[in-house]
Amino acid sequence: MHKVKIYGLPTCHHCRQAKEFLSRKGVEYVEFDISKDGDALDEMTRISGARSVPVIVGCEDVVVGFDEHRLEAMINCMKNRTDLRAAA
C-alpha cells in the first residue's frame, strides 16, 4: 500500500487524531511539519487550496481536517489498489 502524506503542525490536535487513526488502521504515512518546511507548506497549499491542517493525501484524494469517514474511504481505496496489483 502506498503511504499517505500528512501535512500538519506539531501543536495541531486534529493532526494527532489523524495520525493516531491511521496508525490504528495499520496505514503508513509520511508527515510534513509545515512550520519547519516551507516547500511542504507550498505543496500543501497547492494541493488543497487551503492553509488549514491537517491536509491528508492518499489514493488521489485530499482530505482537509480530520474526517474518519473520508479517511476510511481513502484507506479502502488504497487497499483495493494494492489487491488489484497483487492479482495482476
PDB file of N, CA and C in Angstrom:
ATOM      1  N   MET A   1       0.850  -1.179   0.000  1.00  0.00           N
ATOM      2  CA  MET A   1       0.000   0.000   0.000  1.00  0.00           C
ATOM      3  C   MET A   1       0.892   1.237   0.000  1.00  0.00           C
ATOM      4  N   HIS A   2       0.535   2.228  -0.806  1.00  0.00           N
ATOM      5  CA  HIS A   2       1.279   3.476  -0.831  1.00  0.00           C
ATOM      6  C   HIS A   2       1.091   4.226   0.478  1.00  0.00           C
ATOM      7  N   LYS A   3       2.060   5.022   0.809  1.00  0.00           N
ATOM      8  CA  LYS A   3       1.969   5.807   2.033  1.00  0.00           C
ATOM      9  C   LYS A   3       1.084   7.022   1.817  1.00  0.00           C
ATOM     10  N   VAL A   4       0.449   7.419   2.902  1.00  0.00           N
ATOM     11  CA  VAL A   4      -0.369   8.621   2.943  1.00  0.00           C
ATOM     12  C   VAL A   4       0.548   9.774   3.333  1.00  0.00           C
ATOM     13  N   LYS A   5       0.271  10.951   2.819  1.00  0.00           N
ATOM     14  CA  LYS A   5       1.003  12.153   3.214  1.00  0.00           C
ATOM     15  C   LYS A   5       0.116  12.964   4.153  1.00  0.00           C
ATOM     16  N   ILE A   6       0.716  13.415   5.269  1.00  0.00           N
ATOM     17  CA  ILE A   6       0.002  14.284   6.205  1.00  0.00           C
ATOM     18  C   ILE A   6       0.804  15.568   6.366  1.00  0.00           C
ATOM     19  N   TYR A   7       0.171  16.672   6.029  1.00  0.00           N
ATOM     20  CA  TYR A   7       0.767  17.990   6.229  1.00  0.00           C
ATOM     21  C   TYR A   7       0.126  18.562   7.486  1.00  0.00           C
ATOM     22  N   GLY A   8       0.960  18.972   8.448  1.00  0.00           N
ATOM     23  CA  GLY A   8       0.380  19.471   9.684  1.00  0.00           C
ATOM     24  C   GLY A   8       1.362  20.254  10.531  1.00  0.00           C
ATOM     25  N   LEU A   9       0.955  20.456  11.768  1.00  0.00           N
ATOM     26  CA  LEU A   9       1.741  21.188  12.759  1.00  0.00           C
ATOM     27  C   LEU A   9       1.857  20.335  14.025  1.00  0.00           C
ATOM     28  N   PRO A  10       2.972  20.438  14.731  1.00  0.00           N
ATOM     29  CA  PRO A  10       3.143  19.635  15.945  1.00  0.00           C
ATOM     30  C   PRO A  10       2.114  19.933  17.034  1.00  0.00           C
ATOM     31  N   THR A  11       1.565  21.131  17.048  1.00  0.00           N
ATOM     32  CA  THR A  11       0.608  21.527  18.083  1.00  0.00           C
ATOM     33  C   THR A  11      -0.844  21.271  17.688  1.00  0.00           C
ATOM     34  N   CYS A  12      -1.075  20.705  16.524  1.00  0.00           N
ATOM     35  CA  CYS A  12      -2.431  20.523  15.978  1.00  0.00           C
ATOM     36  C   CYS A  12      -3.085  19.250  16.527  1.00  0.00           C
ATOM     37  N   HIS A  13      -4.190  19.445  17.249  1.00  0.00           N
ATOM     38  CA  HIS A  13      -4.927  18.322  17.831  1.00  0.00           C
ATOM     39  C   HIS A  13      -5.492  17.398  16.748  1.00  0.00           C
ATOM     40  N   HIS A  14      -6.068  17.964  15.704  1.00  0.00           N
ATOM     41  CA  HIS A  14      -6.662  17.154  14.635  1.00  0.00           C
ATOM     42  C   HIS A  14      -5.587  16.393  13.859  1.00  0.00           C
ATOM     43  N   CYS A  15      -4.398  16.965  13.765  1.00  0.00           N
ATOM     44  CA  CYS A  15      -3.284  16.264  13.120  1.00  0.00           C
ATOM     45  C   CYS A  15      -2.932  15.006  13.913  1.00  0.00           C
ATOM     46  N   ARG A  16      -2.859  15.153  15.230  1.00  0.00           N
ATOM     47  CA  ARG A  16      -2.571  13.998  16.096  1.00  0.00           C
ATOM     48  C   ARG A  16      -3.666  12.950  15.974  1.00  0.00           C
ATOM     49  N   GLN A  17      -4.919  13.377  15.944  1.00  0.00           N
ATOM     50  CA  GLN A  17      -6.029  12.434  15.793  1.00  0.00           C
ATOM     51  C   GLN A  17      -5.916  11.658  14.484  1.00  0.00           C
ATOM     52  N   ALA A  18      -5.593  12.356  13.415  1.00  0.00           N
ATOM     53  CA  ALA A  18      -5.476  11.704  12.108  1.00  0.00           C
ATOM     54  C   ALA A  18      -4.346  10.679  12.112  1.00  0.00           C
ATOM     55  N   LYS A  19      -3.197  11.039  12.686  1.00  0.00           N
ATOM     56  CA  LYS A  19      -2.063  10.119  12.740  1.00  0.00           C
ATOM     57  C   LYS A  19      -2.381   8.900  13.599  1.00  0.00           C
ATOM     58  N   GLU A  20      -3.041   9.123  14.725  1.00  0.00           N
ATOM     59  CA  GLU A  20      -3.432   8.001  15.584  1.00  0.00           C
ATOM     60  C   GLU A  20      -4.422   7.092  14.874  1.00  0.00           C
ATOM     61  N   PHE A  21      -5.368   7.664  14.162  1.00  0.00           N
ATOM     62  CA  PHE A  21      -6.365   6.890  13.414  1.00  0.00           C
ATOM     63  C   PHE A  21      -5.675   6.029  12.358  1.00  0.00           C
ATOM     64  N   LEU A  22      -4.800   6.637  11.579  1.00  0.00           N
ATOM     65  CA  LEU A  22      -4.103   5.876  10.529  1.00  0.00           C
ATOM     66  C   LEU A  22      -3.225   4.789  11.133  1.00  0.00           C
ATOM     67  N   SER A  23      -2.558   5.088  12.228  1.00  0.00           N
ATOM     68  CA  SER A  23      -1.713   4.082  12.889  1.00  0.00           C
ATOM     69  C   SER A  23      -2.555   2.903  13.372  1.00  0.00           C
ATOM     70  N   ARG A  24      -3.714   3.187  13.970  1.00  0.00           N
ATOM     71  CA  ARG A  24      -4.605   2.101  14.423  1.00  0.00           C
ATOM     72  C   ARG A  24      -5.036   1.220  13.265  1.00  0.00           C
ATOM     73  N   LYS A  25      -5.180   1.822  12.091  1.00  0.00           N
ATOM     74  CA  LYS A  25      -5.611   1.084  10.899  1.00  0.00           C
ATOM     75  C   LYS A  25      -4.444   0.408  10.186  1.00  0.00           C
ATOM     76  N   GLY A  26      -3.229   0.614  10.683  1.00  0.00           N
ATOM     77  CA  GLY A  26      -2.058  -0.008  10.075  1.00  0.00           C
ATOM     78  C   GLY A  26      -1.595   0.668   8.800  1.00  0.00           C
ATOM     79  N   VAL A  27      -1.938   1.926   8.637  1.00  0.00           N
ATOM     80  CA  VAL A  27      -1.578   2.676   7.427  1.00  0.00           C
ATOM     81  C   VAL A  27      -0.298   3.467   7.687  1.00  0.00           C
ATOM     82  N   GLU A  28       0.676   3.282   6.822  1.00  0.00           N
ATOM     83  CA  GLU A  28       1.909   4.058   6.926  1.00  0.00           C
ATOM     84  C   GLU A  28       1.674   5.446   6.340  1.00  0.00           C
ATOM     85  N   TYR A  29       2.330   6.412   6.950  1.00  0.00           N
ATOM     86  CA  TYR A  29       2.192   7.780   6.447  1.00  0.00           C
ATOM     87  C   TYR A  29       3.525   8.498   6.560  1.00  0.00           C
ATOM     88  N   VAL A  30       3.642   9.531   5.738  1.00  0.00           N
ATOM     89  CA  VAL A  30       4.792  10.422   5.773  1.00  0.00           C
ATOM     90  C   VAL A  30       4.267  11.752   6.285  1.00  0.00           C
ATOM     91  N   GLU A  31       4.928  12.274   7.300  1.00  0.00           N
ATOM     92  CA  GLU A  31       4.471  13.503   7.942  1.00  0.00           C
ATOM     93  C   GLU A  31       5.344  14.680   7.514  1.00  0.00           C
ATOM     94  N   PHE A  32       4.695  15.808   7.213  1.00  0.00           N
ATOM     95  CA  PHE A  32       5.388  17.032   6.848  1.00  0.00           C
ATOM     96  C   PHE A  32       4.988  18.122   7.832  1.00  0.00           C
ATOM     97  N   ASP A  33       5.959  18.661   8.549  1.00  0.00           N
ATOM     98  CA  ASP A  33       5.735  19.741   9.510  1.00  0.00           C
ATOM     99  C   ASP A  33       5.851  21.061   8.752  1.00  0.00           C
ATOM    100  N   ILE A  34       4.710  21.676   8.474  1.00  0.00           N
ATOM    101  CA  ILE A  34       4.730  22.878   7.638  1.00  0.00           C
ATOM    102  C   ILE A  34       5.283  24.089   8.373  1.00  0.00           C
ATOM    103  N   SER A  35       5.484  23.982   9.697  1.00  0.00           N
ATOM    104  CA  SER A  35       6.092  25.101  10.422  1.00  0.00           C
ATOM    105  C   SER A  35       7.593  25.146  10.195  1.00  0.00           C
ATOM    106  N   LYS A  36       8.169  24.039   9.749  1.00  0.00           N
ATOM    107  CA  LYS A  36       9.613  23.960   9.531  1.00  0.00           C
ATOM    108  C   LYS A  36       9.996  23.730   8.077  1.00  0.00           C
ATOM    109  N   ASP A  37       9.015  23.396   7.246  1.00  0.00           N
ATOM    110  CA  ASP A  37       9.301  23.020   5.864  1.00  0.00           C
ATOM    111  C   ASP A  37       8.464  23.890   4.927  1.00  0.00           C
ATOM    112  N   GLY A  38       9.073  24.964   4.453  1.00  0.00           N
ATOM    113  CA  GLY A  38       8.373  25.890   3.559  1.00  0.00           C
ATOM    114  C   GLY A  38       7.930  25.257   2.257  1.00  0.00           C
ATOM    115  N   ASP A  39       8.738  24.339   1.727  1.00  0.00           N
ATOM    116  CA  ASP A  39       8.355  23.648   0.493  1.00  0.00           C
ATOM    117  C   ASP A  39       7.105  22.802   0.715  1.00  0.00           C
ATOM    118  N   ALA A  40       7.030  22.155   1.889  1.00  0.00           N
ATOM    119  CA  ALA A  40       5.849  21.350   2.209  1.00  0.00           C
ATOM    120  C   ALA A  40       4.612  22.243   2.353  1.00  0.00           C
ATOM    121  N   LEU A  41       4.786  23.411   2.963  1.00  0.00           N
ATOM    122  CA  LEU A  41       3.679  24.361   3.087  1.00  0.00           C
ATOM    123  C   LEU A  41       3.181  24.780   1.707  1.00  0.00           C
ATOM    124  N   ASP A  42       4.103  25.090   0.807  1.00  0.00           N
ATOM    125  CA  ASP A  42       3.728  25.474  -0.554  1.00  0.00           C
ATOM    126  C   ASP A  42       3.002  24.336  -1.260  1.00  0.00           C
ATOM    127  N   GLU A  43       3.528  23.122  -1.113  1.00  0.00           N
ATOM    128  CA  GLU A  43       2.906  21.955  -1.754  1.00  0.00           C
ATOM    129  C   GLU A  43       1.508  21.713  -1.184  1.00  0.00           C
ATOM    130  N   MET A  44       1.371  21.794   0.135  1.00  0.00           N
ATOM    131  CA  MET A  44       0.075  21.595   0.774  1.00  0.00           C
ATOM    132  C   MET A  44      -0.950  22.607   0.263  1.00  0.00           C
ATOM    133  N   THR A  45      -0.536  23.862   0.169  1.00  0.00           N
ATOM    134  CA  THR A  45      -1.435  24.916  -0.303  1.00  0.00           C
ATOM    135  C   THR A  45      -1.822  24.682  -1.755  1.00  0.00           C
ATOM    136  N   ARG A  46      -0.853  24.271  -2.566  1.00  0.00           N
ATOM    137  CA  ARG A  46      -1.138  23.986  -3.985  1.00  0.00           C
ATOM    138  C   ARG A  46      -2.110  22.810  -4.124  1.00  0.00           C
ATOM    139  N   ILE A  47      -1.898  21.761  -3.343  1.00  0.00           N
ATOM    140  CA  ILE A  47      -2.718  20.554  -3.439  1.00  0.00           C
ATOM    141  C   ILE A  47      -4.142  20.806  -2.945  1.00  0.00           C
ATOM    142  N   SER A  48      -4.250  21.484  -1.796  1.00  0.00           N
ATOM    143  CA  SER A  48      -5.554  21.591  -1.135  1.00  0.00           C
ATOM    144  C   SER A  48      -6.269  22.914  -1.372  1.00  0.00           C
ATOM    145  N   GLY A  49      -5.504  23.955  -1.706  1.00  0.00           N
ATOM    146  CA  GLY A  49      -6.096  25.276  -1.803  1.00  0.00           C
ATOM    147  C   GLY A  49      -6.401  25.856  -0.434  1.00  0.00           C
ATOM    148  N   ALA A  50      -5.931  25.174   0.608  1.00  0.00           N
ATOM    149  CA  ALA A  50      -6.230  25.597   1.978  1.00  0.00           C
ATOM    150  C   ALA A  50      -4.953  25.832   2.757  1.00  0.00           C
ATOM    151  N   ARG A  51      -5.091  26.558   3.856  1.00  0.00           N
ATOM    152  CA  ARG A  51      -3.974  26.735   4.778  1.00  0.00           C
ATOM    153  C   ARG A  51      -4.355  26.181   6.141  1.00  0.00           C
ATOM    154  N   SER A  52      -5.369  25.328   6.153  1.00  0.00           N
ATOM    155  CA  SER A  52      -5.803  24.645   7.362  1.00  0.00           C
ATOM    156  C   SER A  52      -5.102  23.295   7.431  1.00  0.00           C
ATOM    157  N   VAL A  53      -4.896  22.805   8.642  1.00  0.00           N
ATOM    158  CA  VAL A  53      -4.285  21.496   8.815  1.00  0.00           C
ATOM    159  C   VAL A  53      -5.193  20.630   9.679  1.00  0.00           C
ATOM    160  N   PRO A  54      -5.091  19.328   9.547  1.00  0.00           N
ATOM    161  CA  PRO A  54      -4.195  18.615   8.653  1.00  0.00           C
ATOM    162  C   PRO A  54      -4.739  18.568   7.228  1.00  0.00           C
ATOM    163  N   VAL A  55      -3.822  18.392   6.302  1.00  0.00           N
ATOM    164  CA  VAL A  55      -4.166  18.054   4.935  1.00  0.00           C
ATOM    165  C   VAL A  55      -3.600  16.653   4.723  1.00  0.00           C
ATOM    166  N   ILE A  56      -4.479  15.729   4.344  1.00  0.00           N
ATOM    167  CA  ILE A  56      -4.115  14.327   4.221  1.00  0.00           C
ATOM    168  C   ILE A  56      -4.352  13.914   2.773  1.00  0.00           C
ATOM    169  N   VAL A  57      -3.312  13.332   2.166  1.00  0.00           N
ATOM    170  CA  VAL A  57      -3.360  12.991   0.746  1.00  0.00           C
ATOM    171  C   VAL A  57      -3.092  11.504   0.573  1.00  0.00           C
ATOM    172  N   GLY A  58      -3.958  10.852  -0.177  1.00  0.00           N
ATOM    173  CA  GLY A  58      -3.768   9.442  -0.496  1.00  0.00           C
ATOM    174  C   GLY A  58      -4.822   8.992  -1.479  1.00  0.00           C
ATOM    175  N   CYS A  59      -4.461   8.065  -2.325  1.00  0.00           N
ATOM    176  CA  CYS A  59      -5.393   7.478  -3.298  1.00  0.00           C
ATOM    177  C   CYS A  59      -6.093   8.558  -4.126  1.00  0.00           C
ATOM    178  N   GLU A  60      -5.315   9.545  -4.541  1.00  0.00           N
ATOM    179  CA  GLU A  60      -5.804  10.644  -5.375  1.00  0.00           C
ATOM    180  C   GLU A  60      -6.922  11.438  -4.701  1.00  0.00           C
ATOM    181  N   ASP A  61      -6.956  11.428  -3.382  1.00  0.00           N
ATOM    182  CA  ASP A  61      -7.948  12.191  -2.634  1.00  0.00           C
ATOM    183  C   ASP A  61      -7.216  13.127  -1.675  1.00  0.00           C
ATOM    184  N   VAL A  62      -7.834  14.239  -1.390  1.00  0.00           N
ATOM    185  CA  VAL A  62      -7.283  15.226  -0.451  1.00  0.00           C
ATOM    186  C   VAL A  62      -8.339  15.493   0.610  1.00  0.00           C
ATOM    187  N   VAL A  63      -7.967  15.244   1.864  1.00  0.00           N
ATOM    188  CA  VAL A  63      -8.871  15.480   2.980  1.00  0.00           C
ATOM    189  C   VAL A  63      -8.289  16.621   3.808  1.00  0.00           C
ATOM    190  N   VAL A  64      -9.076  17.666   4.012  1.00  0.00           N
ATOM    191  CA  VAL A  64      -8.664  18.785   4.856  1.00  0.00           C
ATOM    192  C   VAL A  64      -9.399  18.626   6.180  1.00  0.00           C
ATOM    193  N   GLY A  65      -8.633  18.506   7.268  1.00  0.00           N
ATOM    194  CA  GLY A  65      -9.220  18.273   8.578  1.00  0.00           C
ATOM    195  C   GLY A  65      -9.256  16.787   8.879  1.00  0.00           C
ATOM    196  N   PHE A  66      -9.736  16.446  10.067  1.00  0.00           N
ATOM    197  CA  PHE A  66      -9.838  15.047  10.477  1.00  0.00           C
ATOM    198  C   PHE A  66     -11.254  14.577  10.251  1.00  0.00           C
ATOM    199  N   ASP A  67     -11.432  13.685   9.276  1.00  0.00           N
ATOM    200  CA  ASP A  67     -12.743  13.162   8.908  1.00  0.00           C
ATOM    201  C   ASP A  67     -12.613  11.647   8.791  1.00  0.00           C
ATOM    202  N   GLU A  68     -13.041  10.927   9.838  1.00  0.00           N
ATOM    203  CA  GLU A  68     -12.874   9.470   9.872  1.00  0.00           C
ATOM    204  C   GLU A  68     -13.488   8.786   8.662  1.00  0.00           C
ATOM    205  N   HIS A  69     -14.666   9.211   8.254  1.00  0.00           N
ATOM    206  CA  HIS A  69     -15.358   8.557   7.140  1.00  0.00           C
ATOM    207  C   HIS A  69     -14.584   8.705   5.834  1.00  0.00           C
ATOM    208  N   ARG A  70     -14.084   9.892   5.580  1.00  0.00           N
ATOM    209  CA  ARG A  70     -13.307  10.103   4.348  1.00  0.00           C
ATOM    210  C   ARG A  70     -11.976   9.377   4.422  1.00  0.00           C
ATOM    211  N   LEU A  71     -11.354   9.339   5.610  1.00  0.00           N
ATOM    212  CA  LEU A  71     -10.090   8.609   5.747  1.00  0.00           C
ATOM    213  C   LEU A  71     -10.312   7.111   5.567  1.00  0.00           C
ATOM    214  N   GLU A  72     -11.415   6.602   6.082  1.00  0.00           N
ATOM    215  CA  GLU A  72     -11.745   5.184   5.901  1.00  0.00           C
ATOM    216  C   GLU A  72     -11.915   4.869   4.418  1.00  0.00           C
ATOM    217  N   ALA A  73     -12.588   5.756   3.686  1.00  0.00           N
ATOM    218  CA  ALA A  73     -12.752   5.568   2.244  1.00  0.00           C
ATOM    219  C   ALA A  73     -11.398   5.600   1.539  1.00  0.00           C
ATOM    220  N   MET A  74     -10.503   6.491   1.967  1.00  0.00           N
ATOM    221  CA  MET A  74      -9.164   6.576   1.393  1.00  0.00           C
ATOM    222  C   MET A  74      -8.401   5.270   1.628  1.00  0.00           C
ATOM    223  N   ILE A  75      -8.489   4.751   2.849  1.00  0.00           N
ATOM    224  CA  ILE A  75      -7.806   3.507   3.187  1.00  0.00           C
ATOM    225  C   ILE A  75      -8.352   2.362   2.344  1.00  0.00           C
ATOM    226  N   ASN A  76      -9.672   2.273   2.200  1.00  0.00           N
ATOM    227  CA  ASN A  76     -10.274   1.218   1.377  1.00  0.00           C
ATOM    228  C   ASN A  76      -9.829   1.328  -0.069  1.00  0.00           C
ATOM    229  N   CYS A  77      -9.761   2.532  -0.591  1.00  0.00           N
ATOM    230  CA  CYS A  77      -9.288   2.743  -1.959  1.00  0.00           C
ATOM    231  C   CYS A  77      -7.860   2.231  -2.113  1.00  0.00           C
ATOM    232  N   MET A  78      -7.016   2.562  -1.141  1.00  0.00           N
ATOM    233  CA  MET A  78      -5.619   2.141  -1.207  1.00  0.00           C
ATOM    234  C   MET A  78      -5.495   0.624  -1.123  1.00  0.00           C
ATOM    235  N   LYS A  79      -6.296  -0.013  -0.271  1.00  0.00           N
ATOM    236  CA  LYS A  79      -6.269  -1.477  -0.157  1.00  0.00           C
ATOM    237  C   LYS A  79      -6.731  -2.127  -1.446  1.00  0.00           C
ATOM    238  N   ASN A  80      -7.791  -1.574  -2.049  1.00  0.00           N
ATOM    239  CA  ASN A  80      -8.301  -2.128  -3.305  1.00  0.00           C
ATOM    240  C   ASN A  80      -7.257  -2.038  -4.407  1.00  0.00           C
ATOM    241  N   ARG A  81      -6.545  -0.935  -4.485  1.00  0.00           N
ATOM    242  CA  ARG A  81      -5.497  -0.787  -5.494  1.00  0.00           C
ATOM    243  C   ARG A  81      -4.366  -1.778  -5.260  1.00  0.00           C
ATOM    244  N   THR A  82      -4.012  -1.980  -3.992  1.00  0.00           N
ATOM    245  CA  THR A  82      -2.959  -2.944  -3.662  1.00  0.00           C
ATOM    246  C   THR A  82      -3.406  -4.341  -4.031  1.00  0.00           C
ATOM    247  N   ASP A  83      -4.660  -4.680  -3.729  1.00  0.00           N
ATOM    248  CA  ASP A  83      -5.195  -6.009  -4.064  1.00  0.00           C
ATOM    249  C   ASP A  83      -5.223  -6.234  -5.572  1.00  0.00           C
ATOM    250  N   LEU A  84      -5.582  -5.199  -6.328  1.00  0.00           N
ATOM    251  CA  LEU A  84      -5.618  -5.319  -7.784  1.00  0.00           C
ATOM    252  C   LEU A  84      -4.217  -5.560  -8.362  1.00  0.00           C
ATOM    253  N   ARG A  85      -3.225  -4.864  -7.815  1.00  0.00           N
ATOM    254  CA  ARG A  85      -1.853  -5.048  -8.289  1.00  0.00           C
ATOM    255  C   ARG A  85      -1.359  -6.451  -7.963  1.00  0.00           C
ATOM    256  N   ALA A  86      -1.724  -6.957  -6.798  1.00  0.00           N
ATOM    257  CA  ALA A  86      -1.279  -8.287  -6.397  1.00  0.00           C
ATOM    258  C   ALA A  86      -1.919  -9.361  -7.288  1.00  0.00           C
ATOM    259  N   ALA A  87      -3.141  -9.117  -7.735  1.00  0.00           N
ATOM    260  CA  ALA A  87      -3.848 -10.081  -8.564  1.00  0.00           C
ATOM    261  C   ALA A  87      -3.349 -10.068 -10.010  1.00  0.00           C
ATOM    262  N   ALA A  88      -2.741  -8.982 -10.418  1.00  0.00           N
ATOM    263  CA  ALA A  88      -2.302  -8.847 -11.825  1.00  0.00           C
ATOM    264  C   ALA A  88      -1.086  -9.692 -12.129  1.00  0.00           C
TER     265      ALA A  88
END
